[in-house]
Structures are given as C-alpha cells and as structure tokens.
C-alpha cells in the first residue's frame, strides 16, 4: 500500500513537471486533458512544437516513417504531411506514452511499432520519407559534436537508409560541425538551421540518394517572426564582401545565419558592409529593416578606455573579434550590465579596437531610425 502510494506520488509529480515543460515547449499539448508525459530528461530532449511545425513543411508525400520517435512531438506534426505514417521507438516507456498520446490527439493516419531502429528498417518497404534523430548525448550526459559519435552512426547506415526512401531527413545537434558532417553526408541537398528566439536549436539535413544539386541550399530560420534567409554553400565560398568603417546603423545576424557561416552572403544580399573580415558585424548608412538579426543605431565610437566611456554607467556589452572577455572589459571600463545602451567591442576595417555605443532599433519603428 505504501509503495503504491509512493509510486503514485512520483507519477503525479512527473506529470505536473512534464506539463509545466510542455506549456513552454509543446503548448498545444499542454492544454489537452489526458496527455501523458515522460520523465524530465525525455521532456528536455524532445523537440519543441515550433521546430516540429517547421519540419512538417519540409517534405510532403504518401508514406513516412520516424525510426527514432521518442516522445513523438516531431512525428505528431510531420505525420500530418503524409497519407500514412509509422512511428517507431525502441524504449518501451516512451513507446507506450506516445501511442497513448497519438490516440488522444486523434491522429488517425498513424501506426506505432516498438523495435530497434535498424531491425525495423530492414523490414520496411520503401518510403517517401524517413526521419531519424540520432542520440546526441554520451552516457555521462555530455553533448557530442561529431557525426560518428551519434547513435546510430549515420556514417555507417546512410546507404541503407537511402535505399529505403526517396528523402531522408536527419535531425542533428546545433553543436555539430556542419562542414565535417557534409563531408560524411554528400547526398545532402538542403540544410535547415533552426533557431528559436535567436538560440540555435537544430540542424536538419535533407538527403536524397540521387541528389544532383551542384551546391547545398542552406535555410536559416529564426522562430518566430523573421523570414527564412537562404543561400547556397558555393555562393558563400565564392562571394566577396564589401567593407566599411562604422556608418549610421549596425547589424548583428541571427544565430542561424552565424551557425550556417553566411558571413559574406548576408551582407551582400542585404546591401550591408562588413566591419572587418573577422568581425561578423555589418553597417549601413540607411536603415535596412529587413536585415535578419538585431539592428542598432550607432550613437558614438570610442576607444576601449575608461575615461572615454565614463559617462556610461550601465550597458549591455558584447564582444565580437576583440582581444578581451566581457568580464575583463566590464571591469576595465567600469560599467554594470543592463540598461538601454548596447556596447559592441570589435575590430574595425582599419584594424583598430573600438567600442560602438548603440541603441537598439526595433524593426518597423521608423521613429527610432530617424
């Protein structure tokens, strides 16, 4: 009796904690009665509703299989882009929870199976699309950055996967080295770099066995709000940036663009000048309202000396290609963190180390641009 009561209390606590996390990550589930939640680690590792909705628009078709279903957030949304969808998950607890939730969600075009991913792959007919989310954590919880350290190892099974589908979608860690992964996955046609509120969350590789594209198309998205910034890998490699000393406005690209390495193309497409080859900050004389990132109005340019900034007691300090840490520079110039001003310590075109004192420009607010 005591053990059962204790188990019930643990289960109820897990459900309350899971629902609290879902309120942020999967809000459309959190408001539905009878949705069940797994242990905290599984909730922390699952995709958010926002990235899942985005991925649901990458490809459409008849048949879809998710080999590593987990809690099933990605599957629940992506399956709606197909006539027939199969969820597979080896972990029995997650499988049971997901199967229950799909019924609650009334996903009528789906079936669920409980097998080892590779064992199940060997048994299925060719699909329009297969989705796989390799485990990216070691037993000690450390995050991986190499493709071959993931489980299953895509470098060993990609040929088998591609023999079973027209399109293979792979979710990978934002910590992954994209260029190294591309060398191991030459069938890649597209990469989607997905951020939420300017924090990079996922790299999504789209592979096709007979990919004939000369260059990989990279899609940089920052949810919510900003439109998708697209460029081709070879365009970035061959592009020539335009440079300038700081003008009237300053721009910092969003995290997806920085992760994707579109350091030249973002300036070229947006007609903005780069401050320095290694300073990924941009400038213009006229406000570029469409720039995919944060916009600032430059109020003054100072050298990194305390007496030059003594009129500023509080500001938000960022370091970009500057030989000092945020903490070191804060101590040197004697400012506290916070307030409405933004300081960018950076290297400019002439090689000098400067601090740009800025005020944030909220997009579409013309009065702040004047």
Protein backbone atom coordinates (compact mmCIF):
# COMPACT_ATOMS: atom_id res chain seq x y z
CA UNK A 1 0.00 0.00 0.00
CA UNK A 2 2.77 2.38 0.97
CA UNK A 3 4.84 1.51 -2.11
CA UNK A 4 1.85 2.03 -4.40
CA UNK A 5 1.06 5.38 -2.81
CA UNK A 6 4.69 6.40 -3.21
CA UNK A 7 4.68 5.35 -6.88
CA UNK A 8 1.50 7.34 -7.46
CA UNK A 9 3.03 10.44 -5.91
CA UNK A 10 6.14 10.08 -8.08
CA UNK A 11 3.98 9.63 -11.19
CA UNK A 12 1.82 12.64 -10.34
CA UNK A 13 4.92 14.76 -9.75
CA UNK A 14 6.32 13.66 -13.13
CA UNK A 15 3.08 14.62 -14.84
CA UNK A 16 3.00 18.05 -13.20
CA UNK A 17 6.63 18.68 -14.12
CA UNK A 18 6.07 17.39 -17.66
CA UNK A 19 3.04 19.60 -18.18
CA UNK A 20 4.97 22.64 -16.94
CA UNK A 21 7.70 21.97 -19.52
CA UNK A 22 5.09 21.27 -22.20
CA UNK A 23 3.46 24.64 -21.52
CA UNK A 24 6.62 26.19 -22.96
CA UNK A 25 7.79 23.55 -25.48
CA UNK A 26 4.51 21.95 -26.63
CA UNK A 27 1.74 24.42 -25.72
CA UNK A 28 -0.93 22.81 -27.91
CA UNK A 29 -0.47 19.55 -25.97
CA UNK A 30 -0.37 21.19 -22.55
CA UNK A 31 -3.99 22.35 -22.86
CA UNK A 32 -5.31 18.88 -23.75
CA UNK A 33 -6.59 16.62 -20.99
CA UNK A 34 -5.18 13.08 -20.73
CA UNK A 35 -1.87 13.80 -22.46
CA UNK A 36 0.84 11.83 -20.67
CA UNK A 37 4.41 12.98 -20.11
CA UNK A 38 7.67 11.03 -19.63
CA UNK A 39 10.49 11.68 -17.18
CA UNK A 40 12.18 15.08 -17.13
CA UNK A 41 15.20 14.11 -19.28
CA UNK A 42 12.95 12.94 -22.13
CA UNK A 43 10.95 16.17 -21.90
CA UNK A 44 14.12 18.23 -22.05
CA UNK A 45 15.44 16.29 -25.05
CA UNK A 46 12.25 16.29 -27.11
CA UNK A 47 11.69 18.74 -29.96
CA UNK A 48 9.57 21.80 -29.43
CA UNK A 49 6.25 22.25 -31.16
CA UNK A 50 7.70 25.22 -33.05
CA UNK A 51 10.56 23.32 -34.70
CA UNK A 52 8.26 20.35 -35.35
CA UNK A 53 5.77 22.54 -37.20
CA UNK A 54 8.58 23.95 -39.32
CA UNK A 55 9.85 20.47 -40.22
CA UNK A 56 6.32 19.40 -41.18
CA UNK A 57 6.61 21.72 -44.19
CA UNK A 58 9.94 20.42 -45.48
CA UNK A 59 8.51 17.47 -47.42
CA UNK A 60 5.07 16.00 -48.22
CA UNK A 61 4.07 12.64 -49.64
CA UNK A 62 2.29 9.34 -49.12
CA UNK A 63 4.41 7.28 -46.70
CA UNK A 64 6.50 8.44 -43.75
CA UNK A 65 8.46 6.59 -41.06
CA UNK A 66 10.08 8.03 -37.94
CA UNK A 67 12.70 5.50 -36.84
CA UNK A 68 13.57 7.14 -33.52
CA UNK A 69 10.23 8.52 -32.40
CA UNK A 70 10.96 9.47 -28.78
CA UNK A 71 8.05 11.32 -27.21
CA UNK A 72 6.64 11.79 -30.70
CA UNK A 73 6.44 15.58 -30.99
CA UNK A 74 8.16 15.68 -34.39
CA UNK A 75 6.17 12.68 -35.57
CA UNK A 76 2.82 14.12 -34.47
CA UNK A 77 3.30 17.20 -36.64
CA UNK A 78 5.30 15.74 -39.53
CA UNK A 79 2.91 12.81 -39.97
CA UNK A 80 0.17 15.23 -40.98
CA UNK A 81 2.07 15.93 -44.21
CA UNK A 82 1.61 12.30 -45.31
CA UNK A 83 -1.25 9.90 -46.03
CA UNK A 84 0.30 7.09 -43.99
CA UNK A 85 2.83 7.40 -41.16
CA UNK A 86 4.66 4.96 -38.88
CA UNK A 87 6.22 5.80 -35.52
CA UNK A 88 8.96 3.52 -34.17
CA UNK A 89 10.57 3.75 -30.73
CA UNK A 90 12.75 1.17 -29.00
CA UNK A 91 12.19 2.48 -25.46
CA UNK A 92 9.02 0.78 -24.24
CA UNK A 93 8.05 3.52 -21.78
CA UNK A 94 8.27 6.24 -24.43
CA UNK A 95 6.52 4.00 -26.95
CA UNK A 96 3.57 3.45 -24.60
CA UNK A 97 3.28 7.15 -23.76
CA UNK A 98 3.46 8.22 -27.42
CA UNK A 99 0.94 5.58 -28.53
CA UNK A 100 -1.48 6.82 -25.87
CA UNK A 101 -0.95 10.47 -26.81
CA UNK A 102 -1.50 9.89 -30.54
CA UNK A 103 -4.92 8.43 -29.72
CA UNK A 104 -5.74 11.43 -27.54
CA UNK A 105 -4.61 13.70 -30.39
CA UNK A 106 -6.80 11.71 -32.81
CA UNK A 107 -4.00 11.05 -35.30
CA UNK A 108 -5.90 8.59 -37.45
CA UNK A 109 -3.32 8.08 -40.21
CA UNK A 110 -0.61 6.63 -37.95
CA UNK A 111 0.60 3.30 -36.63
CA UNK A 112 3.13 2.72 -33.84
CA UNK A 113 5.75 -0.03 -33.50
CA UNK A 114 8.27 -0.89 -30.78
CA UNK A 115 11.51 -2.14 -32.39
CA UNK A 116 15.21 -1.42 -32.59
CA UNK A 117 15.58 1.22 -35.33
CA UNK A 118 17.88 -0.81 -37.58
CA UNK A 119 15.92 -4.01 -37.07
CA UNK A 120 12.75 -2.23 -38.14
CA UNK A 121 14.47 -0.51 -41.07
CA UNK A 122 15.40 -3.90 -42.52
CA UNK A 123 11.75 -4.97 -42.51
CA UNK A 124 10.01 -1.99 -44.12
CA UNK A 125 9.04 -1.25 -47.71
CA UNK A 126 10.44 1.82 -49.44
CA UNK A 127 9.03 5.06 -48.00
CA UNK A 128 8.59 8.52 -49.43
CA UNK A 129 10.38 9.91 -46.39
CA UNK A 130 12.29 8.54 -43.40
CA UNK A 131 13.09 10.71 -40.38
CA UNK A 132 15.80 9.91 -37.86
CA UNK A 133 17.01 11.75 -34.77
CA UNK A 134 20.26 10.10 -33.62
CA UNK A 135 21.03 10.22 -29.90
CA UNK A 136 23.49 13.02 -29.29
CA UNK A 137 24.44 12.51 -25.66
CA UNK A 138 27.08 10.28 -24.11
CA UNK A 139 26.28 8.11 -21.09
CA UNK A 140 27.68 10.85 -18.89
CA UNK A 141 25.36 13.41 -20.47
CA UNK A 142 27.99 15.25 -22.49
CA UNK A 143 26.96 16.66 -25.85
CA UNK A 144 28.54 15.23 -28.98
CA UNK A 145 29.91 17.30 -31.85
CA UNK A 146 30.94 14.56 -34.29
CA UNK A 147 28.54 12.70 -36.55
CA UNK A 148 30.22 9.35 -35.90
CA UNK A 149 29.69 9.74 -32.15
CA UNK A 150 25.91 9.72 -32.55
CA UNK A 151 23.81 6.59 -32.11
CA UNK A 152 23.02 5.20 -34.59
CA UNK A 153 26.15 6.19 -36.53
CA UNK A 154 24.88 7.76 -39.76
CA UNK A 155 28.23 7.37 -41.48
CA UNK A 156 27.69 3.60 -41.36
CA UNK A 157 23.96 3.34 -42.11
CA UNK A 158 23.15 6.20 -44.51
CA UNK A 159 23.38 4.00 -47.60
CA UNK A 160 20.90 1.55 -46.08
CA UNK A 161 18.60 4.40 -45.08
CA UNK A 162 18.70 5.96 -48.55
CA UNK A 163 17.91 2.61 -50.15
CA UNK A 164 14.64 2.62 -48.20
CA UNK A 165 13.35 6.12 -49.02
CA UNK A 166 13.24 8.93 -51.56
CA UNK A 167 14.04 11.58 -48.93
CA UNK A 168 15.93 11.15 -45.67
CA UNK A 169 15.56 13.85 -43.01
CA UNK A 170 18.11 13.86 -40.19
CA UNK A 171 17.85 15.99 -37.07
CA UNK A 172 21.27 16.85 -35.64
CA UNK A 173 22.68 18.83 -32.74
CA UNK A 174 23.44 22.55 -33.20
CA UNK A 175 26.83 21.70 -31.64
CA UNK A 176 27.70 19.64 -34.72
CA UNK A 177 30.43 20.76 -37.12
CA UNK A 178 28.38 21.36 -40.29
CA UNK A 179 31.27 21.19 -42.72
CA UNK A 180 32.55 17.92 -41.26
CA UNK A 181 29.04 16.46 -41.38
CA UNK A 182 28.64 17.49 -45.03
CA UNK A 183 31.78 15.59 -45.97
CA UNK A 184 30.25 12.45 -44.46
CA UNK A 185 26.81 13.12 -45.96
CA UNK A 186 27.48 14.15 -49.60
CA UNK A 187 23.90 13.27 -50.57
CA UNK A 188 22.69 16.34 -48.66
CA UNK A 189 20.56 18.68 -50.78
CA UNK A 190 19.39 21.08 -48.05
CA UNK A 191 20.29 22.06 -44.51
CA UNK A 192 17.79 23.85 -42.28
CA UNK A 193 19.38 25.75 -39.40
CA UNK A 194 16.57 26.37 -36.91
CA UNK A 195 16.68 28.86 -34.05
CA UNK A 196 14.03 29.84 -31.53
CA UNK A 197 14.26 33.39 -30.21
CA UNK A 198 17.81 33.61 -31.56
CA UNK A 199 19.04 30.42 -29.87
CA UNK A 200 20.13 27.77 -32.37
CA UNK A 201 18.23 24.56 -31.58
CA UNK A 202 18.55 22.14 -34.50
CA UNK A 203 20.38 21.32 -37.70
CA UNK A 204 18.13 19.43 -40.09
CA UNK A 205 19.84 17.71 -43.02
CA UNK A 206 17.76 16.65 -46.04
CA UNK A 207 19.37 13.85 -48.08
CA UNK A 208 18.38 12.38 -51.44
CA UNK A 209 20.12 9.37 -52.92
CA UNK A 210 20.35 10.77 -56.44
CA UNK A 211 20.95 14.37 -55.42
CA UNK A 212 22.14 16.28 -58.50
CA UNK A 213 22.37 19.74 -56.96
CA UNK A 214 25.76 21.34 -57.50
CA UNK A 215 25.63 23.04 -54.12
CA UNK A 216 23.78 22.59 -50.84
CA UNK A 217 20.91 25.00 -50.20
CA UNK A 218 21.01 26.32 -46.64
CA UNK A 219 17.88 27.68 -44.96
CA UNK A 220 18.39 29.89 -41.88
CA UNK A 221 15.25 30.40 -39.82
CA UNK A 222 14.68 32.22 -36.55
CA UNK A 223 11.30 31.43 -34.97
CA UNK A 224 9.12 33.42 -34.54
CA UNK A 225 8.91 36.33 -36.89
CA UNK A 226 11.81 36.56 -39.28
CA UNK A 227 11.56 35.22 -42.81
CA UNK A 228 13.88 32.41 -43.88
CA UNK A 229 17.31 33.52 -45.14
CA UNK A 230 18.53 31.21 -47.91
CA UNK A 231 21.88 30.83 -49.62
CA UNK A 232 23.94 28.20 -51.38
CA UNK A 233 27.16 26.85 -49.94
CA UNK A 234 29.19 27.63 -53.07
CA UNK A 235 27.82 31.19 -53.21
CA UNK A 236 29.27 31.87 -49.77
CA UNK A 237 32.61 30.34 -50.72
CA UNK A 238 32.91 32.44 -53.89
CA UNK A 239 31.43 35.72 -52.60
CA UNK A 240 33.41 38.90 -51.99
CA UNK A 241 32.31 41.07 -49.07
CA UNK A 242 32.20 44.86 -49.16
CA UNK A 243 33.78 46.59 -46.18
CA UNK A 244 33.36 49.92 -44.42
CA UNK A 245 34.14 51.71 -41.21
CA UNK A 246 31.03 52.05 -38.99
CA UNK A 247 28.27 54.12 -40.60
CA UNK A 248 24.90 55.08 -39.08
CA UNK A 249 23.48 51.61 -38.36
CA UNK A 250 24.92 48.37 -37.02
CA UNK A 251 23.59 44.84 -37.62
CA UNK A 252 24.21 41.54 -35.87
CA UNK A 253 22.97 38.47 -37.83
CA UNK A 254 20.75 35.98 -36.02
CA UNK A 255 22.19 32.78 -34.58
CA UNK A 256 21.08 30.59 -37.51
CA UNK A 257 23.00 32.71 -40.00
CA UNK A 258 26.10 32.72 -37.82
CA UNK A 259 25.91 28.94 -37.33
CA UNK A 260 25.47 28.44 -41.07
CA UNK A 261 28.51 30.60 -41.80
CA UNK A 262 26.76 33.03 -44.18
CA UNK A 263 29.21 35.76 -43.24
CA UNK A 264 29.58 37.12 -46.78
CA UNK A 265 26.17 36.41 -48.30
CA UNK A 266 24.13 38.09 -45.56
CA UNK A 267 25.94 41.36 -46.22
CA UNK A 268 25.75 41.04 -50.00
CA UNK A 269 22.03 40.16 -50.10
CA UNK A 270 21.12 42.87 -47.57
CA UNK A 271 23.40 45.56 -49.08
CA UNK A 272 25.30 45.96 -45.81
CA UNK A 273 29.03 46.48 -45.32
CA UNK A 274 31.18 44.25 -43.14
CA UNK A 275 33.22 45.96 -40.42
CA UNK A 276 36.18 43.56 -40.70
CA UNK A 277 36.83 40.17 -42.28
CA UNK A 278 36.67 38.50 -38.84
CA UNK A 279 34.10 40.80 -37.22
CA UNK A 280 30.71 39.42 -38.15
CA UNK A 281 29.01 42.76 -37.72
CA UNK A 282 27.60 44.87 -40.55
CA UNK A 283 26.84 48.53 -41.15
CA UNK A 284 24.88 50.83 -43.46
CA UNK A 285 24.03 54.50 -43.85
CA UNK A 286 20.31 53.84 -44.32
CA UNK A 287 18.28 51.51 -42.11
CA UNK A 288 17.83 48.01 -43.57
CA UNK A 289 14.58 46.98 -41.93
CA UNK A 290 14.67 43.51 -43.47
CA UNK A 291 18.06 42.52 -42.03
CA UNK A 292 17.76 39.04 -40.43
CA UNK A 293 19.03 39.83 -36.96
CA UNK A 294 19.29 42.68 -34.49
CA UNK A 295 19.53 46.30 -35.65
CA UNK A 296 21.15 49.18 -33.79
CA UNK A 297 21.69 52.89 -34.29
CA UNK A 298 25.33 53.85 -33.66
CA UNK A 299 25.48 56.79 -31.24
CA UNK A 300 29.26 57.09 -30.92
CA UNK A 301 32.53 55.26 -31.50
CA UNK A 302 35.00 55.13 -28.61
CA UNK A 303 38.33 53.57 -27.85
CA UNK A 304 38.38 50.98 -25.06
CA UNK A 305 39.50 53.32 -22.30
CA UNK A 306 37.61 54.04 -19.10
CA UNK A 307 37.90 57.81 -19.48
CA UNK A 308 36.26 57.63 -22.92
CA UNK A 309 33.21 55.85 -21.50
CA UNK A 310 32.93 57.42 -18.06
CA UNK A 311 29.55 58.95 -18.98
CA UNK A 312 28.10 55.41 -19.27
CA UNK A 313 27.35 53.58 -16.01
CA UNK A 314 25.22 50.72 -17.35
CA UNK A 315 25.05 48.96 -20.74
CA UNK A 316 24.75 45.59 -22.48
CA UNK A 317 28.25 44.60 -23.57
CA UNK A 318 29.07 42.20 -26.42
CA UNK A 319 32.50 41.10 -27.66
CA UNK A 320 32.97 40.48 -31.39
CA UNK A 321 36.55 39.91 -32.63
CA UNK A 322 38.08 41.74 -29.69
CA UNK A 323 41.04 40.67 -27.51
CA UNK A 324 39.19 40.62 -24.19
CA UNK A 325 36.35 38.79 -22.46
CA UNK A 326 33.11 40.52 -21.46
CA UNK A 327 34.03 40.29 -17.78
CA UNK A 328 37.52 41.68 -18.29
CA UNK A 329 36.28 44.61 -20.36
CA UNK A 330 33.43 45.41 -17.97
CA UNK A 331 35.94 45.64 -15.14
CA UNK A 332 38.34 47.74 -17.22
CA UNK A 333 35.80 50.34 -18.33
CA UNK A 334 33.77 50.21 -15.11
CA UNK A 335 30.24 49.59 -16.35
CA UNK A 336 27.42 47.47 -14.96
CA UNK A 337 25.32 45.11 -17.07
CA UNK A 338 21.87 46.21 -18.26
CA UNK A 339 20.10 49.35 -19.39
CA UNK A 340 19.07 50.58 -22.84
CA UNK A 341 22.51 51.07 -24.35
CA UNK A 342 24.44 48.35 -26.20
CA UNK A 343 28.22 48.34 -26.45
CA UNK A 344 29.92 46.30 -29.17
CA UNK A 345 33.64 45.85 -28.63
CA UNK A 346 35.06 44.93 -32.00
CA UNK A 347 37.82 45.33 -34.57
CA UNK A 348 37.08 47.68 -37.46
CA UNK A 349 38.34 47.82 -41.03
CA UNK A 350 41.46 49.81 -40.17
CA UNK A 351 42.46 47.22 -37.55
CA UNK A 352 41.68 49.44 -34.57
CA UNK A 353 39.93 48.11 -31.45
CA UNK A 354 36.81 50.16 -30.83
CA UNK A 355 33.64 50.17 -28.78
CA UNK A 356 30.48 51.08 -30.67
CA UNK A 357 27.89 52.70 -28.41
CA UNK A 358 24.47 51.82 -29.78
CA UNK A 359 20.75 51.97 -29.18
CA UNK A 360 18.57 49.09 -30.34
CA UNK A 361 16.25 49.80 -33.25
CA UNK A 362 13.01 47.86 -33.06
CA UNK A 363 12.08 46.87 -36.59
CA UNK A 364 9.26 48.76 -38.27
CA UNK A 365 9.60 51.56 -35.73
CA UNK A 366 10.50 54.39 -38.09
CA UNK A 367 10.74 56.98 -35.33
CA UNK A 368 13.76 55.20 -33.83
CA UNK A 369 15.51 55.21 -37.20
CA UNK A 370 15.38 58.97 -37.54
